[in-house]
């Protein structure tokens, strides 16, 4: 049987603490790393969603401008043709 004195007890406790830290440090590191990567992914995903919505909004504005430009062009062409048509008669 081992006789424990304060020095041996302290040595055993410190060695167990060291072994525990060596075994659990990689796990703790990986969990923290996964947490921060997940946090970054969520931040980027929310930014992606907002950019996607902004893209839809801008595409709709572009479509409205194209439609408005097409209408104005047809009205200008119609008025030009109308002016030439009345002068030639």
C-alpha atoms as a PDB file:
ATOM      1  CA  UNK A   1       0.000   0.000   0.000  1.00  0.00           C
ATOM      2  CA  UNK A   2       1.165   3.558  -0.744  1.00  0.00           C
ATOM      3  CA  UNK A   3       1.669   5.870   2.146  1.00  0.00           C
ATOM      4  CA  UNK A   4       0.617   9.380   1.315  1.00  0.00           C
ATOM      5  CA  UNK A   5       2.336  12.350   2.678  1.00  0.00           C
ATOM      6  CA  UNK A   6       1.473  15.954   1.733  1.00  0.00           C
ATOM      7  CA  UNK A   7       4.171  16.097  -0.949  1.00  0.00           C
ATOM      8  CA  UNK A   8       3.027  12.906  -2.694  1.00  0.00           C
ATOM      9  CA  UNK A   9      -0.613  13.950  -2.446  1.00  0.00           C
ATOM     10  CA  UNK A  10       0.133  17.289  -4.060  1.00  0.00           C
ATOM     11  CA  UNK A  11       2.151  15.590  -6.784  1.00  0.00           C
ATOM     12  CA  UNK A  12      -0.685  13.156  -7.520  1.00  0.00           C
ATOM     13  CA  UNK A  13      -3.269  15.948  -7.653  1.00  0.00           C
ATOM     14  CA  UNK A  14      -1.122  18.102  -9.933  1.00  0.00           C
ATOM     15  CA  UNK A  15      -0.366  15.186 -12.235  1.00  0.00           C
ATOM     16  CA  UNK A  16      -4.084  14.342 -12.462  1.00  0.00           C
ATOM     17  CA  UNK A  17      -4.830  17.990 -13.207  1.00  0.00           C
ATOM     18  CA  UNK A  18      -2.186  18.057 -15.912  1.00  0.00           C
ATOM     19  CA  UNK A  19      -3.491  14.847 -17.489  1.00  0.00           C
ATOM     20  CA  UNK A  20      -7.039  16.192 -17.383  1.00  0.00           C
ATOM     21  CA  UNK A  21      -5.979  19.442 -19.033  1.00  0.00           C
ATOM     22  CA  UNK A  22      -4.027  17.619 -21.714  1.00  0.00           C
ATOM     23  CA  UNK A  23      -7.001  15.396 -22.480  1.00  0.00           C
ATOM     24  CA  UNK A  24      -9.683  18.097 -22.435  1.00  0.00           C
ATOM     25  CA  UNK A  25      -7.803  21.015 -23.954  1.00  0.00           C
ATOM     26  CA  UNK A  26      -8.331  19.855 -27.571  1.00  0.00           C
ATOM     27  CA  UNK A  27     -12.032  19.358 -26.914  1.00  0.00           C
ATOM     28  CA  UNK A  28     -12.390  22.802 -25.346  1.00  0.00           C
ATOM     29  CA  UNK A  29     -10.414  24.366 -28.191  1.00  0.00           C
ATOM     30  CA  UNK A  30     -12.544  22.672 -30.844  1.00  0.00           C
ATOM     31  CA  UNK A  31     -15.813  23.604 -29.146  1.00  0.00           C
ATOM     32  CA  UNK A  32     -14.750  27.251 -28.927  1.00  0.00           C
ATOM     33  CA  UNK A  33     -13.540  27.229 -32.500  1.00  0.00           C
ATOM     34  CA  UNK A  34     -16.799  25.694 -33.736  1.00  0.00           C
ATOM     35  CA  UNK A  35     -18.748  28.311 -31.786  1.00  0.00           C
ATOM     36  CA  UNK A  36     -16.892  31.240 -33.351  1.00  0.00           C
ATOM     37  CA  UNK A  37     -17.030  29.776 -36.852  1.00  0.00           C
ATOM     38  CA  UNK A  38     -20.765  29.192 -36.425  1.00  0.00           C
ATOM     39  CA  UNK A  39     -21.176  32.764 -35.240  1.00  0.00           C
ATOM     40  CA  UNK A  40     -19.334  34.023 -38.347  1.00  0.00           C
ATOM     41  CA  UNK A  41     -21.437  31.803 -40.604  1.00  0.00           C
ATOM     42  CA  UNK A  42     -24.662  33.160 -39.088  1.00  0.00           C
ATOM     43  CA  UNK A  43     -23.429  36.724 -39.532  1.00  0.00           C
ATOM     44  CA  UNK A  44     -22.506  36.081 -43.177  1.00  0.00           C
ATOM     45  CA  UNK A  45     -25.790  34.293 -43.829  1.00  0.00           C
ATOM     46  CA  UNK A  46     -27.815  37.206 -42.476  1.00  0.00           C
ATOM     47  CA  UNK A  47     -25.730  39.556 -44.638  1.00  0.00           C
ATOM     48  CA  UNK A  48     -26.362  37.260 -47.627  1.00  0.00           C
ATOM     49  CA  UNK A  49     -30.122  37.304 -46.989  1.00  0.00           C
ATOM     50  CA  UNK A  50     -30.178  41.099 -46.778  1.00  0.00           C
ATOM     51  CA  UNK A  51     -28.146  41.396 -49.989  1.00  0.00           C
ATOM     52  CA  UNK A  52     -30.479  38.954 -51.715  1.00  0.00           C
ATOM     53  CA  UNK A  53     -33.489  41.070 -50.707  1.00  0.00           C
ATOM     54  CA  UNK A  54     -31.723  44.230 -51.848  1.00  0.00           C
ATOM     55  CA  UNK A  55     -30.968  42.549 -55.174  1.00  0.00           C
ATOM     56  CA  UNK A  56     -34.665  41.715 -55.621  1.00  0.00           C
ATOM     57  CA  UNK A  57     -35.584  45.313 -54.814  1.00  0.00           C
ATOM     58  CA  UNK A  58     -33.011  46.699 -57.259  1.00  0.00           C
ATOM     59  CA  UNK A  59     -34.100  44.268 -59.977  1.00  0.00           C
ATOM     60  CA  UNK A  60     -37.683  45.433 -59.511  1.00  0.00           C
ATOM     61  CA  UNK A  61     -36.590  49.074 -59.718  1.00  0.00           C
ATOM     62  CA  UNK A  62     -34.626  48.322 -62.885  1.00  0.00           C
ATOM     63  CA  UNK A  63     -37.645  46.596 -64.413  1.00  0.00           C
ATOM     64  CA  UNK A  64     -39.844  49.591 -63.534  1.00  0.00           C
ATOM     65  CA  UNK A  65     -37.318  52.000 -65.080  1.00  0.00           C
ATOM     66  CA  UNK A  66     -37.105  49.908 -68.261  1.00  0.00           C
ATOM     67  CA  UNK A  67     -40.887  49.859 -68.507  1.00  0.00           C
ATOM     68  CA  UNK A  68     -41.113  53.617 -67.887  1.00  0.00           C
ATOM     69  CA  UNK A  69     -38.376  54.286 -70.462  1.00  0.00           C
ATOM     70  CA  UNK A  70     -40.135  52.070 -73.005  1.00  0.00           C
ATOM     71  CA  UNK A  71     -43.422  53.940 -72.492  1.00  0.00           C
ATOM     72  CA  UNK A  72     -41.738  57.348 -72.737  1.00  0.00           C
ATOM     73  CA  UNK A  73     -39.877  56.313 -75.903  1.00  0.00           C
ATOM     74  CA  UNK A  74     -43.078  55.118 -77.520  1.00  0.00           C
ATOM     75  CA  UNK A  75     -44.841  58.375 -76.565  1.00  0.00           C
ATOM     76  CA  UNK A  76     -41.977  60.468 -77.969  1.00  0.00           C
ATOM     77  CA  UNK A  77     -41.925  58.459 -81.193  1.00  0.00           C
ATOM     78  CA  UNK A  78     -45.715  58.723 -81.446  1.00  0.00           C
ATOM     79  CA  UNK A  79     -45.610  62.510 -80.932  1.00  0.00           C
ATOM     80  CA  UNK A  80     -42.793  62.908 -83.482  1.00  0.00           C
ATOM     81  CA  UNK A  81     -44.696  60.828 -86.035  1.00  0.00           C
ATOM     82  CA  UNK A  82     -47.834  62.796 -85.250  1.00  0.00           C
ATOM     83  CA  UNK A  83     -46.071  66.139 -85.814  1.00  0.00           C
ATOM     84  CA  UNK A  84     -44.606  65.045 -89.139  1.00  0.00           C
ATOM     85  CA  UNK A  85     -47.913  63.552 -90.206  1.00  0.00           C
ATOM     86  CA  UNK A  86     -49.861  66.809 -89.657  1.00  0.00           C
ATOM     87  CA  UNK A  87     -47.264  69.008 -91.381  1.00  0.00           C
ATOM     88  CA  UNK A  88     -47.126  66.913 -94.553  1.00  0.00           C
ATOM     89  CA  UNK A  89     -50.951  67.012 -95.088  1.00  0.00           C
END
